[in-house]
Amino acid sequence: MIKAIVTDIEGTTSSIDFVHQVLFPYAREHLADFVRTNLDNPEVQEQLAAIERELGEAHLSLDEALAHLMEWMDEDRKVTALKVLQGMVWEQGYRQGDFNGHVYQDAVDGLRRWHEQGLRLYVYSSGSVQAQKLLFAHSDAGDLTALFSGYFDTTIGAKREVAAYRLIVEALELAPHEVVFLSDIPAELVAAKAAGMQAIGLARFALPMSMDAAAFEWCRNFADVDKLLQQDAL
């Protein structure tokens, strides 16, 4: 019996275009000024120290740290310090009304339906927990954060590593087969399945062409996922 659903964000609940055409450009435009303006903020200082640890270099200048952040953004690196600082910049953008978080309507409907049915809902994304909460708190459909029981980011492990999913199951205090993971990335589904989770692919526009993809059920939207769950076809 399924007791919890863990969902990815980018390409699953939300448009990849929103992330790459709105959030990432906004962070790139504003991150350097944000860091310079908030150098006295202990959380900013903590992330600057984390950049030094990531690089194995002590006493980086601010300009050097910012240059590495820009390089990591260009490479779409999943570095936790970068993700945390991006989240802080996005919080500024959300609160100023510069944009709202995109969530597909079928995802909104599905999440609400599953929540009403008593399923525990979680998010696992490479974006920071802060960024996840901001997207759902300031979505086009309103504040959706009450639907979720928790959030996971790369601090628990990389999304293509089996160990990360084992830690998530442990944190949920459920048997692995009681948890469903949703993602549009076959390699993530492979890792979740290897950890004992049930895994379903979301392919909103085209099925992924890979050997890994063939091992999973693929749905176009959350309504299709719901039908699959009701059919107990996993």
Protein backbone atom coordinates (compact mmCIF):
# COMPACT_ATOMS: atom_id res chain seq x y z
CA MET A 1 0.00 0.00 0.00
CA ILE A 2 1.38 3.38 -1.01
CA LYS A 3 1.71 5.79 1.89
CA ALA A 4 3.90 8.57 0.46
CA ILE A 5 4.77 10.21 -2.86
CA VAL A 6 8.07 12.00 -3.43
CA THR A 7 8.11 14.28 -6.46
CA ASP A 8 10.77 16.04 -8.48
CA ILE A 9 10.05 19.64 -9.54
CA GLU A 10 11.71 20.59 -12.82
CA GLY A 11 9.88 18.86 -15.67
CA THR A 12 7.57 17.07 -13.24
CA THR A 13 5.46 19.51 -11.22
CA SER A 14 6.78 22.56 -13.00
CA SER A 15 7.94 23.72 -16.41
CA ILE A 16 11.59 23.39 -17.30
CA ASP A 17 11.19 26.71 -19.13
CA PHE A 18 10.22 28.49 -15.90
CA VAL A 19 13.41 27.28 -14.23
CA HIS A 20 15.73 27.98 -17.17
CA GLN A 21 14.11 31.09 -18.63
CA VAL A 22 12.96 32.86 -15.44
CA LEU A 23 14.68 31.60 -12.29
CA PHE A 24 18.21 30.98 -13.59
CA PRO A 25 18.52 34.27 -15.53
CA TYR A 26 17.15 36.19 -12.54
CA ALA A 27 19.72 34.60 -10.24
CA ARG A 28 22.54 35.28 -12.66
CA GLU A 29 21.54 38.93 -12.97
CA HIS A 30 21.10 39.59 -9.25
CA LEU A 31 23.31 37.14 -7.34
CA ALA A 32 26.55 39.16 -7.27
CA ASP A 33 24.84 42.34 -6.09
CA PHE A 34 22.84 40.35 -3.53
CA VAL A 35 25.97 38.79 -2.04
CA ARG A 36 27.83 42.13 -1.93
CA THR A 37 24.86 43.85 -0.29
CA ASN A 38 24.37 41.10 2.29
CA LEU A 39 27.94 40.30 3.32
CA ASP A 40 27.03 40.83 6.98
CA ASN A 41 24.33 38.14 6.76
CA PRO A 42 25.62 35.04 8.63
CA GLU A 43 23.94 32.72 6.11
CA VAL A 44 25.71 34.43 3.21
CA GLN A 45 29.00 34.17 5.11
CA GLU A 46 28.32 30.47 5.72
CA GLN A 47 27.84 29.83 2.00
CA LEU A 48 30.99 31.75 1.08
CA ALA A 49 32.89 29.50 3.51
CA ALA A 50 31.20 26.48 1.90
CA ILE A 51 32.51 27.60 -1.50
CA GLU A 52 36.05 27.53 -0.10
CA ARG A 53 35.49 24.04 1.26
CA GLU A 54 34.04 22.88 -2.07
CA LEU A 55 37.14 24.13 -3.88
CA GLY A 56 39.62 23.12 -1.20
CA GLU A 57 40.94 26.68 -1.13
CA ALA A 58 41.22 28.99 1.85
CA HIS A 59 40.88 32.76 1.82
CA LEU A 60 39.18 33.21 -1.55
CA SER A 61 38.54 36.83 -2.40
CA LEU A 62 34.92 37.84 -2.87
CA ASP A 63 35.52 38.39 -6.58
CA GLU A 64 37.00 34.89 -6.90
CA ALA A 65 34.05 33.34 -5.04
CA LEU A 66 31.58 35.19 -7.24
CA ALA A 67 33.45 34.11 -10.37
CA HIS A 68 33.15 30.48 -9.32
CA LEU A 69 29.42 30.93 -8.64
CA MET A 70 28.91 32.36 -12.12
CA GLU A 71 30.90 29.50 -13.65
CA TRP A 72 28.86 26.92 -11.73
CA MET A 73 25.62 28.57 -12.88
CA ASP A 74 26.77 28.44 -16.50
CA GLU A 75 27.59 24.73 -16.04
CA ASP A 76 24.35 24.05 -14.11
CA ARG A 77 26.42 22.49 -11.35
CA LYS A 78 24.51 21.04 -8.39
CA VAL A 79 26.70 22.71 -5.74
CA THR A 80 24.82 23.20 -2.49
CA ALA A 81 26.33 26.63 -1.70
CA LEU A 82 25.22 27.90 -5.11
CA LYS A 83 21.74 26.46 -4.66
CA VAL A 84 21.33 28.10 -1.25
CA LEU A 85 22.44 31.51 -2.51
CA GLN A 86 20.19 31.19 -5.57
CA GLY A 87 17.32 30.43 -3.20
CA MET A 88 18.00 33.59 -1.25
CA VAL A 89 18.00 35.66 -4.44
CA TRP A 90 14.78 34.02 -5.63
CA GLU A 91 13.16 34.75 -2.28
CA GLN A 92 13.83 38.41 -2.93
CA GLY A 93 12.26 38.08 -6.39
CA TYR A 94 9.17 36.26 -5.17
CA ARG A 95 8.57 38.72 -2.34
CA GLN A 96 8.99 41.68 -4.68
CA GLY A 97 6.46 40.15 -7.08
CA ASP A 98 8.98 39.89 -9.90
CA PHE A 99 7.55 36.43 -10.77
CA ASN A 100 5.36 33.61 -9.45
CA GLY A 101 6.23 29.92 -9.24
CA HIS A 102 4.97 27.81 -12.12
CA VAL A 103 3.15 24.59 -11.25
CA TYR A 104 1.20 22.63 -13.87
CA GLN A 105 -2.54 22.63 -13.14
CA ASP A 106 -2.71 18.84 -13.33
CA ALA A 107 0.06 18.73 -10.69
CA VAL A 108 -1.88 21.12 -8.46
CA ASP A 109 -5.01 18.99 -8.82
CA GLY A 110 -3.14 15.74 -8.25
CA LEU A 111 -1.26 16.98 -5.20
CA ARG A 112 -4.45 18.29 -3.65
CA ARG A 113 -6.28 15.05 -4.38
CA TRP A 114 -3.52 12.89 -2.90
CA HIS A 115 -3.30 15.11 0.16
CA GLU A 116 -7.04 14.77 0.72
CA GLN A 117 -6.67 11.00 0.42
CA GLY A 118 -4.18 11.06 3.28
CA LEU A 119 -1.02 10.39 1.29
CA ARG A 120 2.11 12.08 2.60
CA LEU A 121 3.70 14.28 -0.05
CA TYR A 122 7.36 15.24 -0.29
CA VAL A 123 9.63 17.08 -2.70
CA TYR A 124 13.14 16.01 -3.74
CA SER A 125 14.88 18.48 -6.02
CA SER A 126 18.40 19.66 -6.76
CA GLY A 127 17.20 23.17 -5.87
CA SER A 128 17.56 24.05 -2.19
CA VAL A 129 14.75 23.33 0.24
CA GLN A 130 14.33 27.09 0.55
CA ALA A 131 13.89 27.43 -3.21
CA GLN A 132 11.39 24.57 -3.25
CA LYS A 133 9.27 26.14 -0.52
CA LEU A 134 9.35 29.52 -2.23
CA LEU A 135 8.16 28.09 -5.56
CA PHE A 136 5.19 26.33 -3.97
CA ALA A 137 4.40 29.18 -1.55
CA HIS A 138 4.27 31.73 -4.38
CA SER A 139 2.79 29.57 -7.14
CA ASP A 140 0.30 30.72 -9.75
CA ALA A 141 -2.24 28.55 -7.89
CA GLY A 142 -1.53 30.17 -4.52
CA ASP A 143 0.29 28.83 -1.49
CA LEU A 144 0.59 25.03 -1.86
CA THR A 145 3.05 24.40 0.96
CA ALA A 146 0.37 23.00 3.28
CA LEU A 147 0.11 20.00 0.95
CA PHE A 148 3.64 18.84 1.69
CA SER A 149 4.99 16.94 4.66
CA GLY A 150 8.64 17.67 3.90
CA TYR A 151 11.36 18.61 1.44
CA PHE A 152 14.72 17.14 0.41
CA ASP A 153 17.59 18.66 -1.56
CA THR A 154 21.19 17.77 -2.43
CA THR A 155 22.26 18.00 1.21
CA ILE A 156 20.88 14.44 1.50
CA GLY A 157 22.76 13.31 -1.61
CA ALA A 158 22.84 13.61 -5.39
CA LYS A 159 19.65 12.67 -7.21
CA ARG A 160 21.27 9.92 -9.24
CA GLU A 161 22.78 8.19 -6.20
CA VAL A 162 20.97 5.24 -4.61
CA ALA A 163 22.17 6.26 -1.14
CA ALA A 164 20.15 9.49 -1.28
CA TYR A 165 16.89 7.60 -1.79
CA ARG A 166 17.72 5.17 0.99
CA LEU A 167 18.22 8.12 3.32
CA ILE A 168 14.89 9.61 2.23
CA VAL A 169 13.08 6.34 2.95
CA GLU A 170 14.80 6.19 6.33
CA ALA A 171 13.72 9.76 7.10
CA LEU A 172 10.12 8.94 6.14
CA GLU A 173 10.17 5.89 8.44
CA LEU A 174 8.36 3.81 5.82
CA ALA A 175 9.14 0.63 3.96
CA PRO A 176 10.70 1.48 0.57
CA HIS A 177 7.85 -0.15 -1.40
CA GLU A 178 5.37 2.17 0.37
CA VAL A 179 6.97 5.21 -1.32
CA VAL A 180 6.52 6.33 -4.94
CA PHE A 181 9.04 8.61 -6.63
CA LEU A 182 8.06 10.77 -9.63
CA SER A 183 10.61 12.24 -12.04
CA ASP A 184 11.24 12.98 -15.71
CA ILE A 185 14.84 11.75 -15.49
CA PRO A 186 15.40 8.00 -16.10
CA ALA A 187 18.66 7.90 -14.11
CA GLU A 188 16.86 9.25 -11.05
CA LEU A 189 14.15 6.63 -11.42
CA VAL A 190 16.83 3.94 -11.63
CA ALA A 191 18.40 5.14 -8.37
CA ALA A 192 15.04 5.32 -6.58
CA LYS A 193 14.09 1.83 -7.77
CA ALA A 194 17.46 0.45 -6.64
CA ALA A 195 16.65 1.83 -3.17
CA GLY A 196 13.42 -0.18 -3.19
CA MET A 197 11.03 2.65 -4.02
CA GLN A 198 8.34 2.41 -6.65
CA ALA A 199 9.22 4.80 -9.48
CA ILE A 200 7.07 6.40 -12.19
CA GLY A 201 8.28 8.58 -15.05
CA LEU A 202 6.68 11.86 -16.14
CA ALA A 203 7.09 12.58 -19.86
CA ARG A 204 4.92 15.57 -20.64
CA PHE A 205 6.09 16.05 -24.22
CA ALA A 206 8.16 13.11 -25.42
CA LEU A 207 9.33 9.81 -23.98
CA PRO A 208 13.03 9.74 -23.07
CA MET A 209 15.05 7.64 -25.51
CA SER A 210 17.27 5.50 -23.33
CA MET A 211 17.64 1.93 -22.16
CA ASP A 212 16.90 3.05 -18.59
CA ALA A 213 13.58 4.64 -19.62
CA ALA A 214 12.23 1.35 -20.96
CA ALA A 215 12.21 -0.14 -17.46
CA PHE A 216 9.50 2.22 -16.16
CA GLU A 217 5.88 3.21 -16.61
CA TRP A 218 5.62 6.72 -18.14
CA CYS A 219 2.72 9.14 -17.69
CA ARG A 220 1.89 12.38 -19.47
CA ASN A 221 0.58 14.16 -16.38
CA PHE A 222 -0.48 13.71 -12.77
CA ALA A 223 -3.96 12.54 -13.78
CA ASP A 224 -2.33 9.60 -15.59
CA VAL A 225 -0.21 8.89 -12.51
CA ASP A 226 -3.36 8.85 -10.42
CA LYS A 227 -4.99 6.32 -12.77
CA LEU A 228 -1.89 4.14 -12.58
CA LEU A 229 -1.92 4.24 -8.80
CA GLN A 230 -5.63 3.42 -8.67
CA GLN A 231 -5.12 0.47 -11.01
CA ASP A 232 -2.43 -0.79 -8.62
CA ALA A 233 -0.39 -1.48 -11.74
CA LEU A 234 3.02 -0.81 -10.19
